Each structure stands twice: as C-alpha cells, then as structure tokens.
Amino acid sequence: MTVSFECRTKSPLPAEQLFDRARSIDLHLDSQQKARERAIGGVTRGLIGEGQEVTWRAKHFGVPLTMTSRITSLDFPRSFTDEQVKGPFTSFRHVHEFSPTATGSIMMDRVEFSAPLGVLGRAVERLFLAGYLERLIRARGTFLAGSAADSL
C-alpha cells in the first residue's frame, strides 16, 4: 500500500531558478541541517541531473538512515522526479513540478512512499511518517522558494 501527499509552494522566483534550486545538492543540505544530512556518494555538490544518483546520510527520529536516490526523469524547467534506489522505504518517489505565474512561480511536490514491515509499517506510515515527511517537504519548499514564499 502506498501513501501519498502534495505540497504546493508559491515563490517570487522564476520557475527556472526555483527548478535549479530544487535540484541543488548544496541547498538541500542547507535545508536539512537539523537532521545533519550529508551527501556521501554520487553527486555530492552542485546540480544533480537526469540518471544521476546521490546517497544521503541523516538522522531522523534519532536513527541514522542512508538513502540513495536517482533522478529518473528531468524536463527543464517543468519537472523532475527522484526515486529511492536503495534505502529505508519499500518505495519512495518524489515528483517536483514547476509552473510560472505572473509574480514568480509555483512548485508542486508530489510524494508517494511505502514503508517496510507489512501491517506494522502501514500503521507507522499513517500515524506518524506521512505527517513527518509532509512537514519536512513543506519546510524544504519554503526554504527553496525564498523568504517571501507561501506554502499552500
């Protein structure tokens, strides 16, 4: 069973700039300082591109986690998708979409994931993990979009 959610963030930045900010390894690290996230393999600096991978190490819930993600599609400046290829989830897919507006752009994050451990994993997904991940993605979106951003 898969859990999904969407986060929509308004930004004063043009879609092209927001697109590149969203695939910046350096800005991702800046946005995840609380979890002491580090890029330890693959693309560890700069902009990640289609077919490339990055391995992250972070602490969430006091537990050290390692996850490798690959950019499985990229259509500049409209969308890109990253998917877990190795890590703690049974599956994890994050679609990033960007639309220009009269005053900047909108970034839409669509996340789908499933946790391991069968029935226990499904309970954790619904009771705890989905809300935690949604807050994390919203905070990251606001950070990337700039100080004048609005999460909707």
N, C-alpha and C. Protein backbone atom coordinates (compact mmCIF):
# COMPACT_ATOMS: atom_id res chain seq x y z
N MET A 1 0.84 -1.18 0.00
CA MET A 1 0.00 0.00 0.00
C MET A 1 0.89 1.24 0.00
N THR A 2 0.51 2.24 -0.79
CA THR A 2 1.29 3.46 -0.93
C THR A 2 0.57 4.64 -0.29
N VAL A 3 1.33 5.48 0.39
CA VAL A 3 0.82 6.72 0.97
C VAL A 3 1.30 7.86 0.07
N SER A 4 0.44 8.87 -0.13
CA SER A 4 0.86 10.00 -0.95
C SER A 4 0.35 11.30 -0.36
N PHE A 5 1.05 12.38 -0.71
CA PHE A 5 0.62 13.73 -0.33
C PHE A 5 1.20 14.72 -1.34
N GLU A 6 0.66 15.93 -1.32
CA GLU A 6 1.12 17.01 -2.19
C GLU A 6 1.39 18.25 -1.35
N CYS A 7 2.40 19.00 -1.73
CA CYS A 7 2.71 20.30 -1.12
C CYS A 7 2.87 21.31 -2.25
N ARG A 8 2.19 22.43 -2.11
CA ARG A 8 2.22 23.47 -3.13
C ARG A 8 2.84 24.72 -2.50
N THR A 9 3.91 25.24 -3.13
CA THR A 9 4.61 26.40 -2.58
C THR A 9 4.69 27.49 -3.63
N LYS A 10 4.24 28.70 -3.27
CA LYS A 10 4.35 29.88 -4.13
C LYS A 10 5.69 30.54 -3.88
N SER A 11 6.31 31.04 -4.96
CA SER A 11 7.61 31.70 -4.82
C SER A 11 7.68 32.93 -5.71
N PRO A 12 8.40 33.96 -5.28
CA PRO A 12 8.64 35.11 -6.14
C PRO A 12 9.70 34.83 -7.20
N LEU A 13 10.36 33.69 -7.12
CA LEU A 13 11.41 33.34 -8.07
C LEU A 13 10.84 32.81 -9.38
N PRO A 14 11.51 33.05 -10.51
CA PRO A 14 11.07 32.44 -11.77
C PRO A 14 11.18 30.91 -11.69
N ALA A 15 10.35 30.22 -12.46
CA ALA A 15 10.32 28.74 -12.43
C ALA A 15 11.69 28.14 -12.71
N GLU A 16 12.45 28.71 -13.64
CA GLU A 16 13.77 28.17 -13.99
C GLU A 16 14.71 28.21 -12.79
N GLN A 17 14.67 29.29 -12.05
CA GLN A 17 15.55 29.44 -10.88
C GLN A 17 15.11 28.50 -9.76
N LEU A 18 13.81 28.40 -9.53
CA LEU A 18 13.31 27.51 -8.50
C LEU A 18 13.60 26.05 -8.85
N PHE A 19 13.48 25.69 -10.12
CA PHE A 19 13.81 24.35 -10.61
C PHE A 19 15.25 23.99 -10.22
N ASP A 20 16.18 24.89 -10.54
CA ASP A 20 17.59 24.61 -10.23
C ASP A 20 17.85 24.60 -8.73
N ARG A 21 17.17 25.43 -7.98
CA ARG A 21 17.33 25.41 -6.52
C ARG A 21 16.87 24.06 -5.96
N ALA A 22 15.80 23.50 -6.55
CA ALA A 22 15.25 22.23 -6.06
C ALA A 22 16.16 21.04 -6.36
N ARG A 23 17.02 21.15 -7.37
CA ARG A 23 17.92 20.04 -7.66
C ARG A 23 19.37 20.31 -7.23
N SER A 24 19.53 21.36 -6.43
CA SER A 24 20.84 21.70 -5.89
C SER A 24 21.14 20.85 -4.65
N ILE A 25 22.21 20.11 -4.71
CA ILE A 25 22.63 19.30 -3.56
C ILE A 25 22.99 20.23 -2.39
N ASP A 26 23.68 21.33 -2.69
CA ASP A 26 24.13 22.24 -1.64
C ASP A 26 22.95 22.87 -0.90
N LEU A 27 21.91 23.31 -1.63
CA LEU A 27 20.75 23.90 -0.97
C LEU A 27 19.94 22.86 -0.21
N HIS A 28 19.90 21.63 -0.74
CA HIS A 28 19.22 20.56 0.00
C HIS A 28 19.89 20.38 1.37
N LEU A 29 21.21 20.35 1.38
CA LEU A 29 21.94 20.19 2.64
C LEU A 29 21.66 21.36 3.57
N ASP A 30 21.64 22.57 3.03
CA ASP A 30 21.33 23.75 3.85
C ASP A 30 19.94 23.64 4.47
N SER A 31 18.98 23.09 3.70
CA SER A 31 17.60 22.99 4.19
C SER A 31 17.41 21.87 5.21
N GLN A 32 18.36 20.96 5.29
CA GLN A 32 18.23 19.80 6.17
C GLN A 32 19.28 19.77 7.28
N GLN A 33 19.71 20.93 7.72
CA GLN A 33 20.75 21.00 8.76
C GLN A 33 20.30 20.36 10.07
N LYS A 34 19.00 20.46 10.41
CA LYS A 34 18.51 19.85 11.67
C LYS A 34 18.79 18.35 11.72
N ALA A 35 18.63 17.69 10.58
CA ALA A 35 18.85 16.25 10.52
C ALA A 35 20.32 15.91 10.28
N ARG A 36 21.17 16.94 10.24
CA ARG A 36 22.60 16.75 9.97
C ARG A 36 22.81 15.91 8.72
N GLU A 37 22.00 16.18 7.70
CA GLU A 37 22.08 15.41 6.46
C GLU A 37 23.38 15.71 5.73
N ARG A 38 23.94 14.65 5.13
CA ARG A 38 25.16 14.77 4.34
C ARG A 38 25.00 14.00 3.05
N ALA A 39 25.62 14.50 1.99
CA ALA A 39 25.69 13.77 0.72
C ALA A 39 27.00 13.00 0.74
N ILE A 40 26.91 11.66 0.73
CA ILE A 40 28.12 10.85 0.93
C ILE A 40 28.51 10.02 -0.29
N GLY A 41 27.69 10.06 -1.35
CA GLY A 41 28.02 9.29 -2.55
C GLY A 41 27.31 9.83 -3.77
N GLY A 42 27.83 9.52 -4.94
CA GLY A 42 27.24 10.02 -6.18
C GLY A 42 27.52 11.50 -6.33
N VAL A 43 26.52 12.26 -6.75
CA VAL A 43 26.65 13.71 -6.89
C VAL A 43 26.54 14.31 -5.48
N THR A 44 27.60 14.93 -5.01
CA THR A 44 27.61 15.45 -3.64
C THR A 44 27.67 16.97 -3.58
N ARG A 45 27.76 17.64 -4.72
CA ARG A 45 27.77 19.11 -4.79
C ARG A 45 27.14 19.53 -6.12
N GLY A 46 26.65 20.77 -6.14
CA GLY A 46 26.13 21.33 -7.38
C GLY A 46 24.76 20.79 -7.74
N LEU A 47 24.45 20.83 -9.04
CA LEU A 47 23.13 20.41 -9.55
C LEU A 47 23.17 18.95 -9.98
N ILE A 48 22.18 18.19 -9.56
CA ILE A 48 22.05 16.80 -9.97
C ILE A 48 21.21 16.75 -11.26
N GLY A 49 21.55 15.82 -12.15
CA GLY A 49 20.87 15.72 -13.43
C GLY A 49 20.24 14.36 -13.66
N GLU A 50 19.57 14.25 -14.78
CA GLU A 50 18.87 13.00 -15.12
C GLU A 50 19.83 11.82 -15.16
N GLY A 51 19.41 10.72 -14.53
CA GLY A 51 20.20 9.50 -14.49
C GLY A 51 21.25 9.48 -13.39
N GLN A 52 21.46 10.61 -12.74
CA GLN A 52 22.47 10.68 -11.69
C GLN A 52 21.88 10.29 -10.34
N GLU A 53 22.76 9.87 -9.43
CA GLU A 53 22.35 9.43 -8.10
C GLU A 53 23.07 10.23 -7.03
N VAL A 54 22.45 10.29 -5.86
CA VAL A 54 23.07 10.85 -4.67
C VAL A 54 22.71 9.94 -3.51
N THR A 55 23.68 9.71 -2.63
CA THR A 55 23.42 8.95 -1.41
C THR A 55 23.48 9.92 -0.24
N TRP A 56 22.38 9.92 0.52
CA TRP A 56 22.23 10.80 1.68
C TRP A 56 22.41 10.00 2.96
N ARG A 57 23.00 10.64 3.96
CA ARG A 57 23.01 10.07 5.30
C ARG A 57 22.49 11.15 6.23
N ALA A 58 21.53 10.76 7.08
CA ALA A 58 20.91 11.73 8.00
C ALA A 58 20.42 10.99 9.23
N LYS A 59 20.03 11.77 10.23
CA LYS A 59 19.43 11.22 11.44
C LYS A 59 18.01 11.73 11.53
N HIS A 60 17.05 10.82 11.48
CA HIS A 60 15.64 11.15 11.67
C HIS A 60 15.12 10.27 12.79
N PHE A 61 14.38 10.87 13.71
CA PHE A 61 13.85 10.15 14.88
C PHE A 61 14.99 9.57 15.72
N GLY A 62 16.18 10.18 15.65
CA GLY A 62 17.33 9.68 16.39
C GLY A 62 17.99 8.47 15.76
N VAL A 63 17.52 8.07 14.58
CA VAL A 63 18.03 6.88 13.91
C VAL A 63 18.85 7.29 12.69
N PRO A 64 20.10 6.82 12.56
CA PRO A 64 20.87 7.13 11.36
C PRO A 64 20.31 6.35 10.16
N LEU A 65 20.04 7.08 9.07
CA LEU A 65 19.47 6.46 7.86
C LEU A 65 20.33 6.81 6.66
N THR A 66 20.41 5.88 5.71
CA THR A 66 21.11 6.10 4.45
C THR A 66 20.14 5.79 3.32
N MET A 67 20.09 6.69 2.33
CA MET A 67 19.17 6.51 1.21
C MET A 67 19.83 6.99 -0.07
N THR A 68 19.77 6.18 -1.12
CA THR A 68 20.27 6.57 -2.43
C THR A 68 19.08 6.84 -3.34
N SER A 69 19.11 8.03 -3.97
CA SER A 69 18.05 8.44 -4.89
C SER A 69 18.64 8.68 -6.27
N ARG A 70 17.83 8.40 -7.28
CA ARG A 70 18.22 8.64 -8.68
C ARG A 70 17.21 9.59 -9.31
N ILE A 71 17.69 10.51 -10.13
CA ILE A 71 16.80 11.36 -10.92
C ILE A 71 16.38 10.52 -12.12
N THR A 72 15.11 10.12 -12.13
CA THR A 72 14.62 9.20 -13.16
C THR A 72 14.01 9.91 -14.35
N SER A 73 13.66 11.18 -14.20
CA SER A 73 13.22 11.98 -15.34
C SER A 73 13.49 13.45 -15.03
N LEU A 74 13.75 14.23 -16.10
CA LEU A 74 14.03 15.64 -15.94
C LEU A 74 13.58 16.36 -17.20
N ASP A 75 12.72 17.34 -17.05
CA ASP A 75 12.21 18.15 -18.15
C ASP A 75 12.33 19.62 -17.74
N PHE A 76 13.52 20.21 -17.97
CA PHE A 76 13.79 21.58 -17.55
C PHE A 76 12.90 22.55 -18.32
N PRO A 77 12.26 23.49 -17.66
CA PRO A 77 12.17 23.79 -16.24
C PRO A 77 10.82 23.36 -15.65
N ARG A 78 10.19 22.33 -16.23
CA ARG A 78 8.84 21.94 -15.82
C ARG A 78 8.79 20.92 -14.68
N SER A 79 9.64 19.88 -14.75
CA SER A 79 9.53 18.84 -13.73
C SER A 79 10.77 17.96 -13.68
N PHE A 80 10.94 17.32 -12.55
CA PHE A 80 11.89 16.22 -12.43
C PHE A 80 11.39 15.29 -11.33
N THR A 81 11.85 14.04 -11.41
CA THR A 81 11.42 13.02 -10.46
C THR A 81 12.65 12.34 -9.87
N ASP A 82 12.64 12.19 -8.54
CA ASP A 82 13.68 11.38 -7.91
C ASP A 82 13.01 10.20 -7.24
N GLU A 83 13.71 9.05 -7.29
CA GLU A 83 13.18 7.82 -6.71
C GLU A 83 14.27 7.11 -5.92
N GLN A 84 13.89 6.55 -4.79
CA GLN A 84 14.83 5.76 -3.98
C GLN A 84 15.22 4.52 -4.76
N VAL A 85 16.54 4.27 -4.84
CA VAL A 85 17.02 3.02 -5.42
C VAL A 85 17.58 2.09 -4.34
N LYS A 86 17.88 2.69 -3.16
CA LYS A 86 18.34 1.88 -2.02
C LYS A 86 18.07 2.70 -0.77
N GLY A 87 17.47 2.07 0.23
CA GLY A 87 17.22 2.81 1.45
C GLY A 87 16.14 2.22 2.32
N PRO A 88 15.62 3.04 3.25
CA PRO A 88 14.74 2.53 4.29
C PRO A 88 13.30 2.27 3.85
N PHE A 89 12.87 2.79 2.72
CA PHE A 89 11.49 2.62 2.27
C PHE A 89 11.37 1.43 1.33
N THR A 90 10.19 0.83 1.29
CA THR A 90 9.92 -0.16 0.27
C THR A 90 9.91 0.54 -1.09
N SER A 91 9.33 1.73 -1.14
CA SER A 91 9.39 2.59 -2.33
C SER A 91 9.27 4.04 -1.89
N PHE A 92 9.90 4.94 -2.66
CA PHE A 92 9.82 6.37 -2.39
C PHE A 92 10.00 7.09 -3.72
N ARG A 93 9.00 7.91 -4.08
CA ARG A 93 9.01 8.64 -5.35
C ARG A 93 8.59 10.07 -5.07
N HIS A 94 9.37 11.04 -5.58
CA HIS A 94 9.11 12.46 -5.35
C HIS A 94 9.12 13.17 -6.70
N VAL A 95 7.95 13.65 -7.12
CA VAL A 95 7.82 14.41 -8.37
C VAL A 95 7.80 15.89 -8.01
N HIS A 96 8.66 16.65 -8.66
CA HIS A 96 8.77 18.10 -8.46
C HIS A 96 8.24 18.76 -9.74
N GLU A 97 7.22 19.60 -9.64
CA GLU A 97 6.65 20.28 -10.82
C GLU A 97 6.71 21.79 -10.59
N PHE A 98 6.97 22.55 -11.65
CA PHE A 98 7.15 24.00 -11.57
C PHE A 98 6.30 24.67 -12.63
N SER A 99 5.57 25.70 -12.22
CA SER A 99 4.71 26.46 -13.14
C SER A 99 4.98 27.94 -12.95
N PRO A 100 5.15 28.67 -14.07
CA PRO A 100 5.32 30.12 -13.94
C PRO A 100 4.00 30.78 -13.57
N THR A 101 4.09 31.89 -12.83
CA THR A 101 2.92 32.72 -12.52
C THR A 101 3.28 34.16 -12.87
N ALA A 102 2.32 35.06 -12.76
CA ALA A 102 2.56 36.47 -13.06
C ALA A 102 3.56 37.09 -12.08
N THR A 103 3.66 36.52 -10.89
CA THR A 103 4.54 37.10 -9.86
C THR A 103 5.70 36.20 -9.47
N GLY A 104 5.96 35.13 -10.20
CA GLY A 104 7.04 34.20 -9.88
C GLY A 104 6.74 32.81 -10.38
N SER A 105 6.51 31.89 -9.43
CA SER A 105 6.24 30.51 -9.83
C SER A 105 5.60 29.74 -8.68
N ILE A 106 5.13 28.56 -9.02
CA ILE A 106 4.58 27.62 -8.04
C ILE A 106 5.34 26.31 -8.18
N MET A 107 5.75 25.76 -7.05
CA MET A 107 6.39 24.46 -7.02
C MET A 107 5.40 23.48 -6.38
N MET A 108 5.13 22.39 -7.07
CA MET A 108 4.26 21.34 -6.55
C MET A 108 5.13 20.11 -6.28
N ASP A 109 5.13 19.66 -5.05
CA ASP A 109 5.82 18.42 -4.67
C ASP A 109 4.77 17.34 -4.50
N ARG A 110 4.93 16.23 -5.21
CA ARG A 110 4.05 15.07 -5.09
C ARG A 110 4.90 13.90 -4.61
N VAL A 111 4.57 13.40 -3.43
CA VAL A 111 5.38 12.34 -2.82
C VAL A 111 4.52 11.10 -2.64
N GLU A 112 5.08 9.95 -3.02
CA GLU A 112 4.44 8.64 -2.80
C GLU A 112 5.49 7.74 -2.15
N PHE A 113 5.08 7.04 -1.10
CA PHE A 113 6.03 6.16 -0.44
C PHE A 113 5.30 5.00 0.22
N SER A 114 6.06 3.96 0.50
CA SER A 114 5.56 2.87 1.33
C SER A 114 6.70 2.39 2.23
N ALA A 115 6.34 2.11 3.45
CA ALA A 115 7.31 1.67 4.45
C ALA A 115 7.38 0.15 4.45
N PRO A 116 8.50 -0.40 4.89
CA PRO A 116 8.60 -1.86 5.02
C PRO A 116 7.84 -2.35 6.25
N LEU A 117 7.89 -3.58 6.52
CA LEU A 117 7.36 -4.23 7.74
C LEU A 117 5.86 -4.50 7.71
N GLY A 118 5.28 -4.61 6.52
CA GLY A 118 3.90 -5.06 6.40
C GLY A 118 2.90 -4.22 7.18
N VAL A 119 2.06 -4.88 7.99
CA VAL A 119 0.99 -4.21 8.73
C VAL A 119 1.56 -3.17 9.69
N LEU A 120 2.64 -3.49 10.37
CA LEU A 120 3.28 -2.53 11.27
C LEU A 120 3.75 -1.29 10.50
N GLY A 121 4.37 -1.49 9.35
CA GLY A 121 4.83 -0.38 8.51
C GLY A 121 3.67 0.49 8.06
N ARG A 122 2.55 -0.12 7.68
CA ARG A 122 1.37 0.65 7.25
C ARG A 122 0.83 1.50 8.39
N ALA A 123 0.83 0.98 9.60
CA ALA A 123 0.37 1.76 10.76
C ALA A 123 1.30 2.94 11.01
N VAL A 124 2.60 2.73 10.92
CA VAL A 124 3.57 3.80 11.12
C VAL A 124 3.43 4.86 10.04
N GLU A 125 3.21 4.42 8.78
CA GLU A 125 3.00 5.37 7.67
C GLU A 125 1.89 6.35 8.00
N ARG A 126 0.76 5.82 8.35
CA ARG A 126 -0.45 6.63 8.55
C ARG A 126 -0.41 7.45 9.85
N LEU A 127 0.08 6.85 10.94
CA LEU A 127 0.04 7.51 12.23
C LEU A 127 1.14 8.55 12.42
N PHE A 128 2.26 8.37 11.74
CA PHE A 128 3.41 9.19 12.08
C PHE A 128 4.21 9.66 10.88
N LEU A 129 4.60 8.74 10.03
CA LEU A 129 5.56 9.02 8.97
C LEU A 129 5.03 9.99 7.92
N ALA A 130 3.79 9.84 7.49
CA ALA A 130 3.23 10.72 6.46
C ALA A 130 3.26 12.18 6.91
N GLY A 131 2.82 12.46 8.13
CA GLY A 131 2.84 13.83 8.64
C GLY A 131 4.24 14.38 8.78
N TYR A 132 5.15 13.55 9.25
CA TYR A 132 6.55 13.97 9.40
C TYR A 132 7.15 14.34 8.05
N LEU A 133 6.97 13.46 7.06
CA LEU A 133 7.53 13.73 5.73
C LEU A 133 6.88 14.95 5.07
N GLU A 134 5.58 15.11 5.26
CA GLU A 134 4.91 16.27 4.68
C GLU A 134 5.45 17.57 5.30
N ARG A 135 5.64 17.61 6.60
CA ARG A 135 6.22 18.80 7.23
C ARG A 135 7.63 19.06 6.73
N LEU A 136 8.41 18.01 6.55
CA LEU A 136 9.78 18.12 6.05
C LEU A 136 9.79 18.70 4.63
N ILE A 137 8.91 18.20 3.76
CA ILE A 137 8.85 18.67 2.36
C ILE A 137 8.33 20.10 2.31
N ARG A 138 7.34 20.44 3.13
CA ARG A 138 6.84 21.83 3.18
C ARG A 138 7.93 22.80 3.62
N ALA A 139 8.65 22.44 4.66
CA ALA A 139 9.73 23.31 5.16
C ALA A 139 10.82 23.46 4.11
N ARG A 140 11.16 22.38 3.43
CA ARG A 140 12.17 22.45 2.38
C ARG A 140 11.69 23.34 1.24
N GLY A 141 10.41 23.20 0.84
CA GLY A 141 9.86 24.03 -0.22
C GLY A 141 9.91 25.51 0.12
N THR A 142 9.55 25.85 1.34
CA THR A 142 9.59 27.24 1.79
C THR A 142 11.03 27.77 1.77
N PHE A 143 11.96 26.96 2.23
CA PHE A 143 13.37 27.32 2.21
C PHE A 143 13.84 27.59 0.78
N LEU A 144 13.54 26.68 -0.14
CA LEU A 144 13.98 26.82 -1.53
C LEU A 144 13.34 27.99 -2.24
N ALA A 145 12.08 28.26 -1.90
CA ALA A 145 11.32 29.30 -2.60
C ALA A 145 11.72 30.69 -2.18
N GLY A 146 12.41 30.84 -1.07
CA GLY A 146 12.84 32.15 -0.62
C GLY A 146 11.96 32.66 0.51
N SER A 147 12.40 33.72 1.12
CA SER A 147 11.73 34.23 2.32
C SER A 147 10.32 34.73 2.07
N ALA A 148 9.98 35.07 0.82
CA ALA A 148 8.64 35.59 0.53
C ALA A 148 7.68 34.47 0.11
N ALA A 149 8.08 33.21 0.29
CA ALA A 149 7.28 32.08 -0.16
C ALA A 149 6.07 31.84 0.71
N ASP A 150 5.05 31.24 0.12
CA ASP A 150 3.85 30.81 0.84
C ASP A 150 3.63 29.33 0.55
N SER A 151 3.48 28.54 1.60
CA SER A 151 3.06 27.15 1.44
C SER A 151 1.55 27.12 1.45
N LEU A 152 0.98 26.46 0.47
CA LEU A 152 -0.48 26.39 0.37
C LEU A 152 -0.97 24.99 0.62
